[in-house]
Amino acid sequence: MWTSLILSLLLVNCLVALPAPGLRDLETEAWSAEKACQDVDRTVIIANQNDSTCATFVYCYISNSSTYALIKSCKSGQYFDADLYLCTINKPVGCL
């Protein structure tokens, strides 16, 4: 009885000491509209990677030599299609 209790406690201790699976690398930067628009040299529209519903998009534009990012929304019932660069009633694959 004591042997099985000790083995169980050792097993639990080993499992608790293991790193959690699937932890993200803390040095990986999160996506942001501002960072995505920094590299543009003209006005562009891109997908908002922080929106899993695809109901918004990012409008990148340059004014006075500075780059800006605006989060814009599609009309109700529409989704941003990153291939067509516009909002449409068809929900793209992968959108919630």
PDB file of N, CA and C in Angstrom:
ATOM      1  N   MET A   1       0.816  -1.189   0.000  1.00  0.00           N
ATOM      2  CA  MET A   1       0.000   0.000   0.000  1.00  0.00           C
ATOM      3  C   MET A   1       0.862   1.255   0.000  1.00  0.00           C
ATOM      4  N   TRP A   2       1.847   1.295   0.896  1.00  0.00           N
ATOM      5  CA  TRP A   2       2.723   2.471   0.962  1.00  0.00           C
ATOM      6  C   TRP A   2       3.521   2.639  -0.321  1.00  0.00           C
ATOM      7  N   THR A   3       3.896   1.503  -0.903  1.00  0.00           N
ATOM      8  CA  THR A   3       4.676   1.562  -2.137  1.00  0.00           C
ATOM      9  C   THR A   3       3.870   2.202  -3.256  1.00  0.00           C
ATOM     10  N   SER A   4       2.609   1.814  -3.409  1.00  0.00           N
ATOM     11  CA  SER A   4       1.786   2.393  -4.471  1.00  0.00           C
ATOM     12  C   SER A   4       1.495   3.871  -4.214  1.00  0.00           C
ATOM     13  N   LEU A   5       1.351   4.250  -2.942  1.00  0.00           N
ATOM     14  CA  LEU A   5       1.122   5.656  -2.607  1.00  0.00           C
ATOM     15  C   LEU A   5       2.353   6.487  -2.950  1.00  0.00           C
ATOM     16  N   ILE A   6       3.525   5.981  -2.622  1.00  0.00           N
ATOM     17  CA  ILE A   6       4.766   6.699  -2.909  1.00  0.00           C
ATOM     18  C   ILE A   6       4.978   6.807  -4.420  1.00  0.00           C
ATOM     19  N   LEU A   7       4.712   5.725  -5.153  1.00  0.00           N
ATOM     20  CA  LEU A   7       4.851   5.764  -6.608  1.00  0.00           C
ATOM     21  C   LEU A   7       3.864   6.749  -7.224  1.00  0.00           C
ATOM     22  N   SER A   8       2.652   6.782  -6.701  1.00  0.00           N
ATOM     23  CA  SER A   8       1.656   7.729  -7.204  1.00  0.00           C
ATOM     24  C   SER A   8       2.094   9.166  -6.968  1.00  0.00           C
ATOM     25  N   LEU A   9       2.617   9.437  -5.790  1.00  0.00           N
ATOM     26  CA  LEU A   9       3.089  10.788  -5.483  1.00  0.00           C
ATOM     27  C   LEU A   9       4.281  11.169  -6.359  1.00  0.00           C
ATOM     28  N   LEU A  10       5.171  10.228  -6.611  1.00  0.00           N
ATOM     29  CA  LEU A  10       6.306  10.498  -7.493  1.00  0.00           C
ATOM     30  C   LEU A  10       5.832  10.792  -8.914  1.00  0.00           C
ATOM     31  N   LEU A  11       4.871  10.028  -9.386  1.00  0.00           N
ATOM     32  CA  LEU A  11       4.338  10.251 -10.720  1.00  0.00           C
ATOM     33  C   LEU A  11       3.682  11.624 -10.825  1.00  0.00           C
ATOM     34  N   VAL A  12       2.891  11.988  -9.837  1.00  0.00           N
ATOM     35  CA  VAL A  12       2.248  13.303  -9.832  1.00  0.00           C
ATOM     36  C   VAL A  12       3.307  14.400  -9.809  1.00  0.00           C
ATOM     37  N   ASN A  13       4.333  14.239  -9.010  1.00  0.00           N
ATOM     38  CA  ASN A  13       5.402  15.221  -8.924  1.00  0.00           C
ATOM     39  C   ASN A  13       6.105  15.383 -10.267  1.00  0.00           C
ATOM     40  N   CYS A  14       6.346  14.276 -10.962  1.00  0.00           N
ATOM     41  CA  CYS A  14       7.002  14.351 -12.269  1.00  0.00           C
ATOM     42  C   CYS A  14       6.105  15.037 -13.295  1.00  0.00           C
ATOM     43  N   LEU A  15       4.819  14.720 -13.281  1.00  0.00           N
ATOM     44  CA  LEU A  15       3.904  15.336 -14.238  1.00  0.00           C
ATOM     45  C   LEU A  15       3.749  16.827 -14.001  1.00  0.00           C
ATOM     46  N   VAL A  16       3.729  17.231 -12.759  1.00  0.00           N
ATOM     47  CA  VAL A  16       3.598  18.647 -12.444  1.00  0.00           C
ATOM     48  C   VAL A  16       4.855  19.395 -12.840  1.00  0.00           C
ATOM     49  N   ALA A  17       6.001  18.749 -12.808  1.00  0.00           N
ATOM     50  CA  ALA A  17       7.267  19.404 -13.115  1.00  0.00           C
ATOM     51  C   ALA A  17       7.486  19.590 -14.616  1.00  0.00           C
ATOM     52  N   LEU A  18       6.710  18.900 -15.454  1.00  0.00           N
ATOM     53  CA  LEU A  18       6.879  19.039 -16.895  1.00  0.00           C
ATOM     54  C   LEU A  18       6.351  20.388 -17.370  1.00  0.00           C
ATOM     55  N   PRO A  19       6.939  20.952 -18.418  1.00  0.00           N
ATOM     56  CA  PRO A  19       6.415  22.219 -18.942  1.00  0.00           C
ATOM     57  C   PRO A  19       5.038  22.006 -19.569  1.00  0.00           C
ATOM     58  N   ALA A  20       4.244  23.033 -19.527  1.00  0.00           N
ATOM     59  CA  ALA A  20       2.905  22.963 -20.119  1.00  0.00           C
ATOM     60  C   ALA A  20       3.030  22.844 -21.632  1.00  0.00           C
ATOM     61  N   PRO A  21       2.240  21.969 -22.258  1.00  0.00           N
ATOM     62  CA  PRO A  21       2.336  21.817 -23.708  1.00  0.00           C
ATOM     63  C   PRO A  21       1.753  23.022 -24.435  1.00  0.00           C
ATOM     64  N   GLY A  22       2.354  23.355 -25.544  1.00  0.00           N
ATOM     65  CA  GLY A  22       1.808  24.388 -26.408  1.00  0.00           C
ATOM     66  C   GLY A  22       1.968  25.817 -25.927  1.00  0.00           C
ATOM     67  N   LEU A  23       2.888  26.092 -25.044  1.00  0.00           N
ATOM     68  CA  LEU A  23       3.090  27.470 -24.617  1.00  0.00           C
ATOM     69  C   LEU A  23       3.703  28.267 -25.754  1.00  0.00           C
ATOM     70  N   ARG A  24       3.178  29.450 -25.992  1.00  0.00           N
ATOM     71  CA  ARG A  24       3.718  30.300 -27.042  1.00  0.00           C
ATOM     72  C   ARG A  24       5.051  30.881 -26.611  1.00  0.00           C
ATOM     73  N   ASP A  25       5.891  31.110 -27.566  1.00  0.00           N
ATOM     74  CA  ASP A  25       7.163  31.753 -27.314  1.00  0.00           C
ATOM     75  C   ASP A  25       6.891  33.191 -26.881  1.00  0.00           C
ATOM     76  N   LEU A  26       7.357  33.550 -25.700  1.00  0.00           N
ATOM     77  CA  LEU A  26       7.076  34.877 -25.162  1.00  0.00           C
ATOM     78  C   LEU A  26       7.730  35.984 -25.974  1.00  0.00           C
ATOM     79  N   GLU A  27       8.751  35.647 -26.757  1.00  0.00           N
ATOM     80  CA  GLU A  27       9.411  36.662 -27.565  1.00  0.00           C
ATOM     81  C   GLU A  27       8.685  36.928 -28.879  1.00  0.00           C
ATOM     82  N   THR A  28       7.707  36.094 -29.229  1.00  0.00           N
ATOM     83  CA  THR A  28       6.940  36.295 -30.455  1.00  0.00           C
ATOM     84  C   THR A  28       5.992  37.470 -30.255  1.00  0.00           C
ATOM     85  N   GLU A  29       6.091  38.433 -31.130  1.00  0.00           N
ATOM     86  CA  GLU A  29       5.234  39.614 -31.014  1.00  0.00           C
ATOM     87  C   GLU A  29       3.850  39.321 -31.560  1.00  0.00           C
ATOM     88  N   ALA A  30       2.858  39.856 -30.912  1.00  0.00           N
ATOM     89  CA  ALA A  30       1.487  39.725 -31.378  1.00  0.00           C
ATOM     90  C   ALA A  30       1.279  40.612 -32.605  1.00  0.00           C
ATOM     91  N   TRP A  31       0.389  40.192 -33.483  1.00  0.00           N
ATOM     92  CA  TRP A  31       0.084  40.968 -34.677  1.00  0.00           C
ATOM     93  C   TRP A  31      -0.660  42.228 -34.271  1.00  0.00           C
ATOM     94  N   SER A  32      -0.335  43.335 -34.903  1.00  0.00           N
ATOM     95  CA  SER A  32      -1.080  44.572 -34.662  1.00  0.00           C
ATOM     96  C   SER A  32      -1.241  45.305 -35.988  1.00  0.00           C
ATOM     97  N   ALA A  33      -2.348  46.015 -36.094  1.00  0.00           N
ATOM     98  CA  ALA A  33      -2.637  46.774 -37.310  1.00  0.00           C
ATOM     99  C   ALA A  33      -1.563  47.827 -37.548  1.00  0.00           C
ATOM    100  N   GLU A  34      -1.134  48.483 -36.497  1.00  0.00           N
ATOM    101  CA  GLU A  34      -0.123  49.536 -36.634  1.00  0.00           C
ATOM    102  C   GLU A  34       1.181  48.980 -37.195  1.00  0.00           C
ATOM    103  N   LYS A  35       1.614  47.824 -36.688  1.00  0.00           N
ATOM    104  CA  LYS A  35       2.853  47.218 -37.183  1.00  0.00           C
ATOM    105  C   LYS A  35       2.687  46.725 -38.612  1.00  0.00           C
ATOM    106  N   ALA A  36       1.521  46.179 -38.935  1.00  0.00           N
ATOM    107  CA  ALA A  36       1.278  45.680 -40.287  1.00  0.00           C
ATOM    108  C   ALA A  36       1.295  46.814 -41.305  1.00  0.00           C
ATOM    109  N   CYS A  37       0.846  47.989 -40.908  1.00  0.00           N
ATOM    110  CA  CYS A  37       0.793  49.123 -41.836  1.00  0.00           C
ATOM    111  C   CYS A  37       2.119  49.874 -41.944  1.00  0.00           C
ATOM    112  N   GLN A  38       3.061  49.599 -41.084  1.00  0.00           N
ATOM    113  CA  GLN A  38       4.332  50.324 -41.107  1.00  0.00           C
ATOM    114  C   GLN A  38       5.101  50.140 -42.404  1.00  0.00           C
ATOM    115  N   ASP A  39       4.930  49.010 -43.051  1.00  0.00           N
ATOM    116  CA  ASP A  39       5.728  48.708 -44.244  1.00  0.00           C
ATOM    117  C   ASP A  39       5.075  49.125 -45.549  1.00  0.00           C
ATOM    118  N   VAL A  40       3.911  49.750 -45.499  1.00  0.00           N
ATOM    119  CA  VAL A  40       3.233  50.122 -46.751  1.00  0.00           C
ATOM    120  C   VAL A  40       3.801  51.426 -47.299  1.00  0.00           C
ATOM    121  N   ASP A  41       3.730  51.560 -48.621  1.00  0.00           N
ATOM    122  CA  ASP A  41       4.194  52.795 -49.250  1.00  0.00           C
ATOM    123  C   ASP A  41       3.064  53.507 -49.990  1.00  0.00           C
ATOM    124  N   ARG A  42       1.826  52.989 -49.791  1.00  0.00           N
ATOM    125  CA  ARG A  42       0.640  53.604 -50.379  1.00  0.00           C
ATOM    126  C   ARG A  42      -0.574  53.141 -49.580  1.00  0.00           C
ATOM    127  N   THR A  43      -1.719  53.688 -49.871  1.00  0.00           N
ATOM    128  CA  THR A  43      -2.944  53.296 -49.187  1.00  0.00           C
ATOM    129  C   THR A  43      -3.321  51.870 -49.588  1.00  0.00           C
ATOM    130  N   VAL A  44      -3.566  51.028 -48.588  1.00  0.00           N
ATOM    131  CA  VAL A  44      -3.950  49.635 -48.833  1.00  0.00           C
ATOM    132  C   VAL A  44      -4.999  49.201 -47.815  1.00  0.00           C
ATOM    133  N   ILE A  45      -5.695  48.140 -48.147  1.00  0.00           N
ATOM    134  CA  ILE A  45      -6.650  47.502 -47.244  1.00  0.00           C
ATOM    135  C   ILE A  45      -6.154  46.083 -47.013  1.00  0.00           C
ATOM    136  N   ILE A  46      -6.074  45.676 -45.740  1.00  0.00           N
ATOM    137  CA  ILE A  46      -5.598  44.331 -45.401  1.00  0.00           C
ATOM    138  C   ILE A  46      -6.557  43.697 -44.397  1.00  0.00           C
ATOM    139  N   ALA A  47      -6.451  42.393 -44.274  1.00  0.00           N
ATOM    140  CA  ALA A  47      -7.279  41.660 -43.313  1.00  0.00           C
ATOM    141  C   ALA A  47      -6.847  42.014 -41.891  1.00  0.00           C
ATOM    142  N   ASN A  48      -7.812  42.084 -41.003  1.00  0.00           N
ATOM    143  CA  ASN A  48      -7.543  42.305 -39.582  1.00  0.00           C
ATOM    144  C   ASN A  48      -7.330  40.938 -38.941  1.00  0.00           C
ATOM    145  N   GLN A  49      -6.094  40.581 -38.707  1.00  0.00           N
ATOM    146  CA  GLN A  49      -5.769  39.263 -38.172  1.00  0.00           C
ATOM    147  C   GLN A  49      -6.206  39.086 -36.719  1.00  0.00           C
ATOM    148  N   ASN A  50      -6.607  40.150 -36.070  1.00  0.00           N
ATOM    149  CA  ASN A  50      -7.110  40.051 -34.702  1.00  0.00           C
ATOM    150  C   ASN A  50      -8.624  39.854 -34.659  1.00  0.00           C
ATOM    151  N   ASP A  51      -9.266  39.719 -35.806  1.00  0.00           N
ATOM    152  CA  ASP A  51     -10.715  39.550 -35.870  1.00  0.00           C
ATOM    153  C   ASP A  51     -11.053  38.212 -36.519  1.00  0.00           C
ATOM    154  N   SER A  52     -11.358  37.213 -35.709  1.00  0.00           N
ATOM    155  CA  SER A  52     -11.669  35.885 -36.237  1.00  0.00           C
ATOM    156  C   SER A  52     -13.044  35.817 -36.896  1.00  0.00           C
ATOM    157  N   THR A  53     -13.854  36.862 -36.733  1.00  0.00           N
ATOM    158  CA  THR A  53     -15.172  36.877 -37.363  1.00  0.00           C
ATOM    159  C   THR A  53     -15.119  37.446 -38.782  1.00  0.00           C
ATOM    160  N   CYS A  54     -14.013  38.076 -39.145  1.00  0.00           N
ATOM    161  CA  CYS A  54     -13.815  38.691 -40.471  1.00  0.00           C
ATOM    162  C   CYS A  54     -14.793  39.832 -40.737  1.00  0.00           C
ATOM    163  N   ALA A  55     -15.325  40.438 -39.695  1.00  0.00           N
ATOM    164  CA  ALA A  55     -16.270  41.542 -39.854  1.00  0.00           C
ATOM    165  C   ALA A  55     -15.569  42.891 -39.962  1.00  0.00           C
ATOM    166  N   THR A  56     -14.254  42.926 -39.752  1.00  0.00           N
ATOM    167  CA  THR A  56     -13.504  44.174 -39.833  1.00  0.00           C
ATOM    168  C   THR A  56     -12.281  43.981 -40.733  1.00  0.00           C
ATOM    169  N   PHE A  57     -11.706  45.103 -41.128  1.00  0.00           N
ATOM    170  CA  PHE A  57     -10.482  45.095 -41.920  1.00  0.00           C
ATOM    171  C   PHE A  57      -9.651  46.294 -41.502  1.00  0.00           C
ATOM    172  N   VAL A  58      -8.411  46.348 -41.989  1.00  0.00           N
ATOM    173  CA  VAL A  58      -7.505  47.441 -41.641  1.00  0.00           C
ATOM    174  C   VAL A  58      -7.283  48.302 -42.876  1.00  0.00           C
ATOM    175  N   TYR A  59      -7.479  49.590 -42.717  1.00  0.00           N
ATOM    176  CA  TYR A  59      -7.242  50.577 -43.763  1.00  0.00           C
ATOM    177  C   TYR A  59      -5.934  51.275 -43.430  1.00  0.00           C
ATOM    178  N   CYS A  60      -4.896  51.013 -44.202  1.00  0.00           N
ATOM    179  CA  CYS A  60      -3.583  51.633 -43.996  1.00  0.00           C
ATOM    180  C   CYS A  60      -3.444  52.817 -44.954  1.00  0.00           C
ATOM    181  N   TYR A  61      -3.036  53.948 -44.433  1.00  0.00           N
ATOM    182  CA  TYR A  61      -2.839  55.112 -45.304  1.00  0.00           C
ATOM    183  C   TYR A  61      -1.679  55.947 -44.796  1.00  0.00           C
ATOM    184  N   ILE A  62      -1.162  56.785 -45.686  1.00  0.00           N
ATOM    185  CA  ILE A  62      -0.027  57.647 -45.367  1.00  0.00           C
ATOM    186  C   ILE A  62      -0.481  59.097 -45.433  1.00  0.00           C
ATOM    187  N   SER A  63      -0.098  59.840 -44.414  1.00  0.00           N
ATOM    188  CA  SER A  63      -0.408  61.265 -44.369  1.00  0.00           C
ATOM    189  C   SER A  63       0.773  61.984 -43.730  1.00  0.00           C
ATOM    190  N   ASN A  64       1.266  63.011 -44.400  1.00  0.00           N
ATOM    191  CA  ASN A  64       2.417  63.784 -43.909  1.00  0.00           C
ATOM    192  C   ASN A  64       3.600  62.877 -43.568  1.00  0.00           C
ATOM    193  N   SER A  65       3.876  61.932 -44.442  1.00  0.00           N
ATOM    194  CA  SER A  65       5.007  60.999 -44.309  1.00  0.00           C
ATOM    195  C   SER A  65       4.875  60.043 -43.125  1.00  0.00           C
ATOM    196  N   SER A  66       3.710  59.948 -42.536  1.00  0.00           N
ATOM    197  CA  SER A  66       3.471  59.004 -41.441  1.00  0.00           C
ATOM    198  C   SER A  66       2.423  57.986 -41.880  1.00  0.00           C
ATOM    199  N   THR A  67       2.583  56.765 -41.415  1.00  0.00           N
ATOM    200  CA  THR A  67       1.653  55.703 -41.759  1.00  0.00           C
ATOM    201  C   THR A  67       0.662  55.510 -40.622  1.00  0.00           C
ATOM    202  N   TYR A  68      -0.608  55.345 -40.975  1.00  0.00           N
ATOM    203  CA  TYR A  68      -1.672  55.179 -39.990  1.00  0.00           C
ATOM    204  C   TYR A  68      -2.481  53.926 -40.303  1.00  0.00           C
ATOM    205  N   ALA A  69      -3.089  53.361 -39.268  1.00  0.00           N
ATOM    206  CA  ALA A  69      -3.938  52.186 -39.417  1.00  0.00           C
ATOM    207  C   ALA A  69      -5.290  52.477 -38.796  1.00  0.00           C
ATOM    208  N   LEU A  70      -6.330  52.260 -39.573  1.00  0.00           N
ATOM    209  CA  LEU A  70      -7.698  52.404 -39.071  1.00  0.00           C
ATOM    210  C   LEU A  70      -8.399  51.055 -39.169  1.00  0.00           C
ATOM    211  N   ILE A  71      -9.062  50.651 -38.099  1.00  0.00           N
ATOM    212  CA  ILE A  71      -9.875  49.442 -38.123  1.00  0.00           C
ATOM    213  C   ILE A  71     -11.260  49.854 -38.606  1.00  0.00           C
ATOM    214  N   LYS A  72     -11.687  49.300 -39.717  1.00  0.00           N
ATOM    215  CA  LYS A  72     -12.991  49.616 -40.299  1.00  0.00           C
ATOM    216  C   LYS A  72     -13.877  48.378 -40.233  1.00  0.00           C
ATOM    217  N   SER A  73     -15.184  48.584 -40.156  1.00  0.00           N
ATOM    218  CA  SER A  73     -16.141  47.479 -40.098  1.00  0.00           C
ATOM    219  C   SER A  73     -16.872  47.323 -41.419  1.00  0.00           C
ATOM    220  N   CYS A  74     -17.134  46.083 -41.768  1.00  0.00           N
ATOM    221  CA  CYS A  74     -17.997  45.800 -42.911  1.00  0.00           C
ATOM    222  C   CYS A  74     -19.436  46.089 -42.479  1.00  0.00           C
ATOM    223  N   LYS A  75     -20.325  46.256 -43.447  1.00  0.00           N
ATOM    224  CA  LYS A  75     -21.737  46.436 -43.134  1.00  0.00           C
ATOM    225  C   LYS A  75     -22.264  45.184 -42.438  1.00  0.00           C
ATOM    226  N   SER A  76     -23.335  45.328 -41.713  1.00  0.00           N
ATOM    227  CA  SER A  76     -23.940  44.205 -41.004  1.00  0.00           C
ATOM    228  C   SER A  76     -24.233  43.056 -41.973  1.00  0.00           C
ATOM    229  N   GLY A  77     -23.818  41.858 -41.596  1.00  0.00           N
ATOM    230  CA  GLY A  77     -24.047  40.686 -42.425  1.00  0.00           C
ATOM    231  C   GLY A  77     -23.018  40.480 -43.513  1.00  0.00           C
ATOM    232  N   GLN A  78     -21.960  41.320 -43.518  1.00  0.00           N
ATOM    233  CA  GLN A  78     -20.898  41.170 -44.503  1.00  0.00           C
ATOM    234  C   GLN A  78     -19.588  40.803 -43.827  1.00  0.00           C
ATOM    235  N   TYR A  79     -18.674  40.245 -44.624  1.00  0.00           N
ATOM    236  CA  TYR A  79     -17.383  39.773 -44.133  1.00  0.00           C
ATOM    237  C   TYR A  79     -16.288  40.277 -45.063  1.00  0.00           C
ATOM    238  N   PHE A  80     -15.113  40.540 -44.485  1.00  0.00           N
ATOM    239  CA  PHE A  80     -13.999  40.993 -45.310  1.00  0.00           C
ATOM    240  C   PHE A  80     -13.361  39.800 -45.993  1.00  0.00           C
ATOM    241  N   ASP A  81     -13.241  39.882 -47.307  1.00  0.00           N
ATOM    242  CA  ASP A  81     -12.599  38.849 -48.104  1.00  0.00           C
ATOM    243  C   ASP A  81     -11.198  39.348 -48.455  1.00  0.00           C
ATOM    244  N   ALA A  82     -10.185  38.729 -47.862  1.00  0.00           N
ATOM    245  CA  ALA A  82      -8.800  39.175 -48.054  1.00  0.00           C
ATOM    246  C   ALA A  82      -8.304  38.948 -49.473  1.00  0.00           C
ATOM    247  N   ASP A  83      -8.917  38.027 -50.213  1.00  0.00           N
ATOM    248  CA  ASP A  83      -8.512  37.800 -51.596  1.00  0.00           C
ATOM    249  C   ASP A  83      -9.062  38.872 -52.534  1.00  0.00           C
ATOM    250  N   LEU A  84     -10.274  39.347 -52.235  1.00  0.00           N
ATOM    251  CA  LEU A  84     -10.909  40.364 -53.075  1.00  0.00           C
ATOM    252  C   LEU A  84     -10.674  41.786 -52.564  1.00  0.00           C
ATOM    253  N   TYR A  85     -10.193  41.913 -51.323  1.00  0.00           N
ATOM    254  CA  TYR A  85      -9.949  43.211 -50.682  1.00  0.00           C
ATOM    255  C   TYR A  85     -11.222  44.036 -50.543  1.00  0.00           C
ATOM    256  N   LEU A  86     -12.320  43.368 -50.232  1.00  0.00           N
ATOM    257  CA  LEU A  86     -13.580  44.075 -50.013  1.00  0.00           C
ATOM    258  C   LEU A  86     -14.512  43.233 -49.152  1.00  0.00           C
ATOM    259  N   CYS A  87     -15.579  43.880 -48.689  1.00  0.00           N
ATOM    260  CA  CYS A  87     -16.574  43.195 -47.883  1.00  0.00           C
ATOM    261  C   CYS A  87     -17.598  42.541 -48.802  1.00  0.00           C
ATOM    262  N   THR A  88     -18.026  41.343 -48.435  1.00  0.00           N
ATOM    263  CA  THR A  88     -18.967  40.585 -49.237  1.00  0.00           C
ATOM    264  C   THR A  88     -19.901  39.807 -48.323  1.00  0.00           C
ATOM    265  N   ILE A  89     -21.001  39.332 -48.872  1.00  0.00           N
ATOM    266  CA  ILE A  89     -21.941  38.563 -48.052  1.00  0.00           C
ATOM    267  C   ILE A  89     -21.464  37.128 -47.834  1.00  0.00           C
ATOM    268  N   ASN A  90     -20.466  36.702 -48.590  1.00  0.00           N
ATOM    269  CA  ASN A  90     -19.924  35.349 -48.455  1.00  0.00           C
ATOM    270  C   ASN A  90     -18.894  35.314 -47.330  1.00  0.00           C
ATOM    271  N   LYS A  91     -19.113  34.420 -46.375  1.00  0.00           N
ATOM    272  CA  LYS A  91     -18.178  34.294 -45.263  1.00  0.00           C
ATOM    273  C   LYS A  91     -16.957  33.484 -45.723  1.00  0.00           C
ATOM    274  N   PRO A  92     -15.746  34.052 -45.629  1.00  0.00           N
ATOM    275  CA  PRO A  92     -14.545  33.325 -46.028  1.00  0.00           C
ATOM    276  C   PRO A  92     -14.299  32.107 -45.127  1.00  0.00           C
ATOM    277  N   VAL A  93     -13.655  31.118 -45.677  1.00  0.00           N
ATOM    278  CA  VAL A  93     -13.303  29.914 -44.922  1.00  0.00           C
ATOM    279  C   VAL A  93     -12.418  30.313 -43.751  1.00  0.00           C
ATOM    280  N   GLY A  94     -12.676  29.771 -42.589  1.00  0.00           N
ATOM    281  CA  GLY A  94     -11.876  30.056 -41.412  1.00  0.00           C
ATOM    282  C   GLY A  94     -12.412  31.158 -40.529  1.00  0.00           C
ATOM    283  N   CYS A  95     -13.449  31.839 -40.975  1.00  0.00           N
ATOM    284  CA  CYS A  95     -14.038  32.905 -40.179  1.00  0.00           C
ATOM    285  C   CYS A  95     -15.150  32.337 -39.302  1.00  0.00           C
ATOM    286  N   LEU A  96     -15.255  32.870 -38.100  1.00  0.00           N
ATOM    287  CA  LEU A  96     -16.303  32.398 -37.171  1.00  0.00           C
ATOM    288  C   LEU A  96     -17.615  33.089 -37.418  1.00  0.00           C
TER     289      LEU A  96
END
